[in-house]
Amino acid sequence: MAKIVLGVGTSHSPMLSTPAEKWPEHVKRDLANTSLWAWDGKPHTYEEMLEMSPASIAQELTMDVWRERDAANQAAIAKLGDVIADVDPDVIVMVGDDQHELIHEDNMPSLLVYWGEKLPNKPRDRSRMPPSIALAAWANEFDEEVELDGEASLGLHIIESVMADEFDVAHSKELPDGRGEGHAFGFVHRRILDGKRIPPTVPILQNTYYPPTQPLPKRCYAFGKAIRRAIESWESDARVAVLASGGLSHFVIDEKLDRGVLKALGDHDADHLSTLPVELLNSGNSEIRNWITVGAMVEGMDMTLVDYIPCYRSPASTGCAMAFAYWD
């Protein structure tokens, strides 16, 4: 039977692929954002966040600090790439989310498993993106269209197995015409595995962002356990890596939330992960759900926290807290 030999967790924020000198470009989006979800579990305007944020944030906003944070981010990305390359798994099962790239309001499932033979990665029209997003779009796509390998056999087995475990997942064998994989998966292929072998990939999409079909934390944990059972019952001698893409807290950084999640992941504290307050898992924070799901898949494996790097970009506590970890 197949075996999980590696677990990985990585952030995929555009800030990871934007020079530190350009981080203020991302603040322009914060200024216009009227739903900055904060540590009180409520949405706020930028002006409200300014009033709520401690003055000490100012020490995080110097160019020297930004360059230091950026260097740490790049080192962590390289480390995860080396870890995956050293293990050289036969397949990667990635858990990520979609942000209206492939899935829209006309039909938005809570959970979806992709089981196509091929997984296209296609350059997108950057002229239609916010300038700060276009600046970092290179990190999610290759210069030209690429047809990456899927793993249809494992994808189908996961679908059939989790359905038997009472998870009524949606499925997809192909992407919408003219579109490639979403940023949560493209970032891993383009940045984490840059210049390295890209194993066949089974993408699993969780609707972390958009109510009303966001899965509860306890459902994510149970889903992760079901996926693990599926992988370990797949009639193959494949060595499988599992990976969570996204997070941690953004666009308002919540270090208390993040550190609690990372500790729980390292301790395999299912109760903590399963009972995280849902009001703290909105907007970018919602991608913590992907880590919860993978955390359930790697029970019993040892976690190495490569780095946790809170990257503040404004005095309103906005930014993205980056996290990089692996389990073996």
Protein backbone atom coordinates (compact mmCIF):
# COMPACT_ATOMS: atom_id res chain seq x y z
CA MET A 1 0.00 0.00 0.00
CA ALA A 2 1.02 3.63 -0.43
CA LYS A 3 2.67 5.47 2.44
CA ILE A 4 2.84 9.11 3.50
CA VAL A 5 6.55 9.87 3.81
CA LEU A 6 6.49 13.66 4.13
CA GLY A 7 4.20 16.47 5.18
CA VAL A 8 4.78 20.12 4.26
CA GLY A 9 3.13 23.41 5.15
CA THR A 10 3.88 26.66 3.34
CA SER A 11 2.55 30.16 3.00
CA HIS A 12 1.99 31.43 -0.54
CA SER A 13 1.44 35.17 -0.04
CA PRO A 14 2.26 37.61 -2.87
CA MET A 15 4.60 39.31 -0.39
CA LEU A 16 6.86 36.26 -0.66
CA SER A 17 7.50 37.13 -4.28
CA THR A 18 7.63 40.91 -3.98
CA PRO A 19 10.89 42.75 -3.20
CA ALA A 20 10.84 44.30 0.26
CA GLU A 21 11.11 47.74 -1.32
CA LYS A 22 7.76 47.12 -2.99
CA TRP A 23 5.83 45.90 0.06
CA PRO A 24 4.05 49.29 0.39
CA GLU A 25 2.28 48.47 -2.89
CA HIS A 26 0.28 45.84 -1.01
CA VAL A 27 -0.83 48.42 1.56
CA LYS A 28 -2.87 50.11 -1.16
CA ARG A 29 -5.22 47.11 -1.07
CA ASP A 30 -5.41 47.32 2.72
CA LEU A 31 -6.45 50.97 2.56
CA ALA A 32 -9.42 50.06 0.38
CA ASN A 33 -10.36 46.95 2.34
CA THR A 34 -13.41 47.53 4.54
CA SER A 35 -13.35 43.97 5.90
CA LEU A 36 -10.00 43.57 7.60
CA TRP A 37 -10.78 40.67 9.94
CA ALA A 38 -8.95 41.18 13.22
CA TRP A 39 -8.08 39.24 16.36
CA ASP A 40 -11.50 40.13 17.84
CA GLY A 41 -13.19 38.05 15.14
CA LYS A 42 -14.79 41.09 13.51
CA PRO A 43 -14.21 42.98 10.24
CA HIS A 44 -12.77 46.49 10.42
CA THR A 45 -11.72 49.34 8.17
CA TYR A 46 -8.08 50.34 7.87
CA GLU A 47 -8.74 53.41 10.02
CA GLU A 48 -10.29 51.26 12.75
CA MET A 49 -7.30 48.94 12.68
CA LEU A 50 -4.98 51.91 13.11
CA GLU A 51 -6.77 52.74 16.35
CA MET A 52 -6.65 49.13 17.54
CA SER A 53 -2.98 48.50 16.73
CA PRO A 54 -0.14 49.05 19.21
CA ALA A 55 2.38 51.79 18.52
CA SER A 56 5.13 49.17 18.76
CA ILE A 57 4.19 47.99 15.25
CA ALA A 58 6.28 50.90 13.98
CA GLN A 59 9.48 49.00 14.74
CA GLU A 60 8.37 46.32 12.28
CA LEU A 61 8.03 48.80 9.42
CA THR A 62 11.62 49.83 8.70
CA MET A 63 13.30 48.83 5.46
CA ASP A 64 16.02 46.99 7.37
CA VAL A 65 13.41 44.83 9.10
CA TRP A 66 11.55 44.23 5.85
CA ARG A 67 14.73 43.11 4.10
CA GLU A 68 15.54 40.81 7.00
CA ARG A 69 12.06 39.29 6.86
CA ASP A 70 12.27 38.92 3.09
CA ALA A 71 15.62 37.14 3.32
CA ALA A 72 14.21 34.76 5.93
CA ASN A 73 11.23 34.04 3.67
CA GLN A 74 13.43 33.20 0.71
CA ALA A 75 15.63 30.94 2.84
CA ALA A 76 12.57 29.07 4.11
CA ILE A 77 11.18 28.60 0.59
CA ALA A 78 14.52 27.18 -0.53
CA LYS A 79 14.65 24.88 2.51
CA LEU A 80 11.24 23.38 1.80
CA GLY A 81 12.21 22.83 -1.81
CA ASP A 82 15.35 21.00 -0.71
CA VAL A 83 13.39 18.88 1.76
CA ILE A 84 10.92 17.77 -0.90
CA ALA A 85 13.70 17.11 -3.41
CA ASP A 86 15.66 15.04 -0.88
CA VAL A 87 12.63 12.87 -0.12
CA ASP A 88 11.72 12.74 -3.83
CA PRO A 89 8.12 11.54 -3.36
CA ASP A 90 6.30 9.72 -6.12
CA VAL A 91 3.17 11.85 -5.68
CA ILE A 92 2.18 15.06 -3.89
CA VAL A 93 -1.33 15.54 -2.50
CA MET A 94 -1.80 19.30 -2.07
CA VAL A 95 -4.53 20.93 -0.01
CA GLY A 96 -5.26 24.53 -0.98
CA ASP A 97 -8.05 26.98 -1.67
CA ASP A 98 -9.44 28.79 -4.69
CA GLN A 99 -10.11 32.53 -4.77
CA HIS A 100 -12.45 32.90 -7.73
CA GLU A 101 -9.76 31.63 -10.09
CA LEU A 102 -11.54 28.43 -11.11
CA ILE A 103 -14.60 28.31 -8.85
CA HIS A 104 -17.21 31.05 -8.69
CA GLU A 105 -20.50 31.93 -7.03
CA ASP A 106 -22.56 29.92 -9.50
CA ASN A 107 -21.34 26.67 -7.91
CA MET A 108 -18.96 26.66 -4.95
CA PRO A 109 -18.43 23.29 -3.26
CA SER A 110 -17.01 23.01 0.21
CA LEU A 111 -14.56 20.23 -0.74
CA LEU A 112 -13.30 19.19 -4.17
CA VAL A 113 -10.79 16.59 -5.38
CA TYR A 114 -9.12 16.98 -8.78
CA TRP A 115 -8.30 13.73 -10.54
CA GLY A 116 -7.23 14.74 -14.02
CA GLU A 117 -4.39 13.03 -15.85
CA LYS A 118 -2.87 16.45 -16.52
CA LEU A 119 -2.77 19.69 -14.53
CA PRO A 120 -2.22 22.76 -16.72
CA ASN A 121 -0.38 25.82 -15.48
CA LYS A 122 -1.12 28.85 -17.67
CA PRO A 123 0.03 32.49 -17.53
CA ARG A 124 -2.84 34.81 -16.65
CA ASP A 125 -3.70 38.24 -18.00
CA ARG A 126 -1.91 40.52 -15.56
CA SER A 127 -3.49 43.65 -16.99
CA ARG A 128 -6.71 42.70 -15.20
CA MET A 129 -5.05 42.23 -11.81
CA PRO A 130 -4.50 44.83 -9.09
CA PRO A 131 -0.96 46.18 -9.66
CA SER A 132 0.42 44.67 -6.45
CA ILE A 133 -0.97 41.23 -7.35
CA ALA A 134 0.40 41.48 -10.89
CA LEU A 135 3.79 42.29 -9.40
CA ALA A 136 3.95 38.85 -7.77
CA ALA A 137 1.98 36.81 -10.32
CA TRP A 138 5.19 35.33 -11.72
CA ALA A 139 5.41 33.19 -8.58
CA ASN A 140 2.30 31.18 -9.47
CA GLU A 141 2.88 30.48 -13.14
CA PHE A 142 5.56 29.57 -15.64
CA ASP A 143 6.58 31.81 -18.53
CA GLU A 144 4.68 29.59 -20.94
CA GLU A 145 1.84 27.13 -20.57
CA VAL A 146 2.97 23.89 -18.94
CA GLU A 147 1.11 20.60 -18.68
CA LEU A 148 2.03 19.10 -15.32
CA ASP A 149 1.23 15.53 -14.41
CA GLY A 150 -1.76 14.67 -12.27
CA GLU A 151 -2.25 11.30 -10.59
CA ALA A 152 -5.70 10.22 -11.67
CA SER A 153 -5.55 6.80 -10.05
CA LEU A 154 -4.86 8.18 -6.59
CA GLY A 155 -7.30 11.06 -7.09
CA LEU A 156 -10.12 8.68 -7.96
CA HIS A 157 -9.23 6.40 -5.06
CA ILE A 158 -9.32 9.34 -2.65
CA ILE A 159 -12.76 10.34 -3.95
CA GLU A 160 -14.17 6.84 -3.61
CA SER A 161 -12.59 6.30 -0.20
CA VAL A 162 -13.69 9.59 1.40
CA MET A 163 -17.18 9.13 -0.06
CA ALA A 164 -17.32 5.81 1.77
CA ASP A 165 -16.22 7.78 4.84
CA GLU A 166 -19.30 10.01 4.39
CA PHE A 167 -17.57 13.01 2.80
CA ASP A 168 -19.69 14.00 -0.19
CA VAL A 169 -16.93 15.72 -2.13
CA ALA A 170 -17.19 17.41 -5.50
CA HIS A 171 -14.81 16.23 -8.19
CA SER A 172 -13.12 17.61 -11.29
CA LYS A 173 -11.22 15.89 -14.10
CA GLU A 174 -10.41 19.05 -16.03
CA LEU A 175 -10.07 22.78 -15.48
CA PRO A 176 -12.32 25.39 -17.11
CA ASP A 177 -11.36 26.25 -20.69
CA GLY A 178 -8.37 28.54 -20.93
CA ARG A 179 -7.48 28.40 -17.26
CA GLY A 180 -4.63 26.86 -15.33
CA GLU A 181 -4.19 25.75 -11.76
CA GLY A 182 -4.87 28.27 -9.01
CA HIS A 183 -2.30 30.21 -7.01
CA ALA A 184 -2.31 27.84 -4.02
CA PHE A 185 -0.94 25.07 -6.22
CA GLY A 186 0.96 27.11 -8.78
CA PHE A 187 3.06 28.71 -6.04
CA VAL A 188 4.32 25.31 -4.91
CA HIS A 189 5.14 24.20 -8.44
CA ARG A 190 6.73 27.49 -9.48
CA ARG A 191 8.50 28.63 -6.31
CA ILE A 192 8.94 25.80 -3.83
CA LEU A 193 9.91 23.30 -6.55
CA ASP A 194 11.70 25.81 -8.76
CA GLY A 195 14.34 23.96 -10.75
CA LYS A 196 13.44 20.65 -9.13
CA ARG A 197 11.48 17.60 -10.21
CA ILE A 198 7.72 18.18 -9.95
CA PRO A 199 5.99 14.95 -8.90
CA PRO A 200 2.50 14.11 -10.16
CA THR A 201 0.04 16.16 -8.13
CA VAL A 202 -3.43 15.57 -6.70
CA PRO A 203 -4.95 18.97 -5.80
CA ILE A 204 -7.62 19.03 -3.12
CA LEU A 205 -9.55 22.28 -2.84
CA GLN A 206 -11.21 23.45 0.36
CA ASN A 207 -13.48 26.47 0.27
CA THR A 208 -11.75 28.26 3.11
CA TYR A 209 -12.65 31.82 2.06
CA TYR A 210 -16.27 32.15 1.10
CA PRO A 211 -19.35 31.68 3.30
CA PRO A 212 -21.65 29.91 3.65
CA THR A 213 -19.88 26.67 2.67
CA GLN A 214 -16.62 27.00 4.62
CA PRO A 215 -15.90 23.67 6.33
CA LEU A 216 -15.68 23.75 10.12
CA PRO A 217 -12.24 23.15 11.66
CA LYS A 218 -13.38 19.82 13.08
CA ARG A 219 -14.61 18.83 9.62
CA CYS A 220 -11.23 19.73 8.12
CA TYR A 221 -9.46 17.58 10.68
CA ALA A 222 -11.79 14.66 10.05
CA PHE A 223 -11.35 15.15 6.30
CA GLY A 224 -7.58 14.97 6.71
CA LYS A 225 -7.87 11.68 8.55
CA ALA A 226 -10.14 10.34 5.80
CA ILE A 227 -7.63 11.37 3.13
CA ARG A 228 -4.87 9.64 5.04
CA ARG A 229 -6.92 6.45 5.20
CA ALA A 230 -7.47 6.76 1.47
CA ILE A 231 -3.78 7.18 0.70
CA GLU A 232 -2.77 4.29 2.94
CA SER A 233 -5.35 2.01 1.32
CA TRP A 234 -4.26 2.83 -2.24
CA GLU A 235 -2.90 -0.32 -3.83
CA SER A 236 0.45 1.08 -4.80
CA ASP A 237 3.94 1.18 -3.36
CA ALA A 238 4.03 4.95 -3.95
CA ARG A 239 5.73 7.24 -1.47
CA VAL A 240 3.36 10.17 -0.99
CA ALA A 241 3.96 13.71 0.23
CA VAL A 242 1.07 15.80 1.56
CA LEU A 243 1.18 19.58 1.56
CA ALA A 244 -0.84 22.49 2.95
CA SER A 245 -0.71 25.76 1.01
CA GLY A 246 -1.71 29.12 2.46
CA GLY A 247 -1.83 31.17 5.64
CA LEU A 248 -1.07 31.94 8.20
CA SER A 249 -2.92 35.01 9.52
CA HIS A 250 -3.62 37.80 7.05
CA PHE A 251 -4.49 40.44 6.16
CA VAL A 252 -4.38 41.44 9.82
CA ILE A 253 -1.60 39.55 11.55
CA ASP A 254 -2.64 37.61 14.66
CA GLU A 255 0.51 36.14 16.19
CA LYS A 256 -1.36 34.60 19.12
CA LEU A 257 -3.60 32.64 16.76
CA ASP A 258 -0.69 31.55 14.57
CA ARG A 259 1.57 30.44 17.39
CA GLY A 260 -1.26 28.45 18.95
CA VAL A 261 -1.93 26.70 15.65
CA LEU A 262 1.74 25.90 15.06
CA LYS A 263 2.14 24.52 18.58
CA ALA A 264 -0.96 22.37 18.15
CA LEU A 265 0.34 21.06 14.83
CA GLY A 266 3.64 20.13 16.42
CA ASP A 267 1.94 18.51 19.41
CA HIS A 268 -0.72 16.78 17.26
CA ASP A 269 -3.32 18.51 19.42
CA ALA A 270 -6.47 17.54 17.55
CA ASP A 271 -8.74 19.19 20.11
CA HIS A 272 -7.11 22.60 19.69
CA LEU A 273 -7.15 22.41 15.90
CA SER A 274 -10.71 21.09 15.75
CA THR A 275 -12.15 23.76 18.03
CA LEU A 276 -10.53 26.91 16.67
CA PRO A 277 -13.14 29.70 16.76
CA VAL A 278 -14.62 30.03 13.29
CA GLU A 279 -14.85 33.81 13.69
CA LEU A 280 -11.03 33.85 13.63
CA LEU A 281 -10.90 31.88 10.36
CA ASN A 282 -12.10 34.43 7.84
CA SER A 283 -10.31 36.15 4.96
CA GLY A 284 -6.66 35.04 4.73
CA ASN A 285 -6.78 33.45 8.19
CA SER A 286 -9.20 30.96 6.68
CA GLU A 287 -6.34 29.17 4.93
CA ILE A 288 -5.34 27.79 8.33
CA ARG A 289 -8.01 25.21 7.49
CA ASN A 290 -5.60 23.74 4.92
CA TRP A 291 -2.98 23.25 7.62
CA ILE A 292 -5.59 21.63 9.89
CA THR A 293 -6.43 19.09 7.19
CA VAL A 294 -2.80 18.22 6.54
CA GLY A 295 -2.12 18.20 10.28
CA ALA A 296 -4.53 15.29 10.56
CA MET A 297 -2.73 13.46 7.76
CA VAL A 298 0.64 13.60 9.52
CA GLU A 299 -0.37 12.34 12.97
CA GLY A 300 2.57 10.54 14.51
CA MET A 301 5.18 12.30 12.36
CA ASP A 302 7.70 14.76 13.79
CA MET A 303 7.27 18.41 12.85
CA THR A 304 10.14 20.75 12.06
CA LEU A 305 9.18 24.41 12.09
CA VAL A 306 11.50 25.93 9.50
CA ASP A 307 10.39 29.45 10.34
CA TYR A 308 7.52 31.67 11.42
CA ILE A 309 7.90 35.18 10.03
CA PRO A 310 5.22 37.81 10.75
CA CYS A 311 5.62 40.34 7.93
CA TYR A 312 3.89 43.55 8.96
CA ARG A 313 3.49 46.10 6.21
CA SER A 314 1.50 48.93 7.83
CA PRO A 315 0.88 50.55 11.23
CA ALA A 316 -2.64 49.06 11.06
CA SER A 317 -1.17 45.58 11.74
CA THR A 318 -1.80 44.51 8.16
CA GLY A 319 0.50 42.12 6.37
CA CYS A 320 0.92 38.36 6.28
CA ALA A 321 2.40 35.97 8.82
CA MET A 322 4.48 33.44 6.90
CA ALA A 323 4.95 29.89 8.12
CA PHE A 324 7.04 27.05 6.76
CA ALA A 325 7.15 23.57 8.26
CA TYR A 326 7.56 19.91 7.43
CA TRP A 327 6.85 16.55 9.03
CA ASP A 328 8.84 13.36 8.55
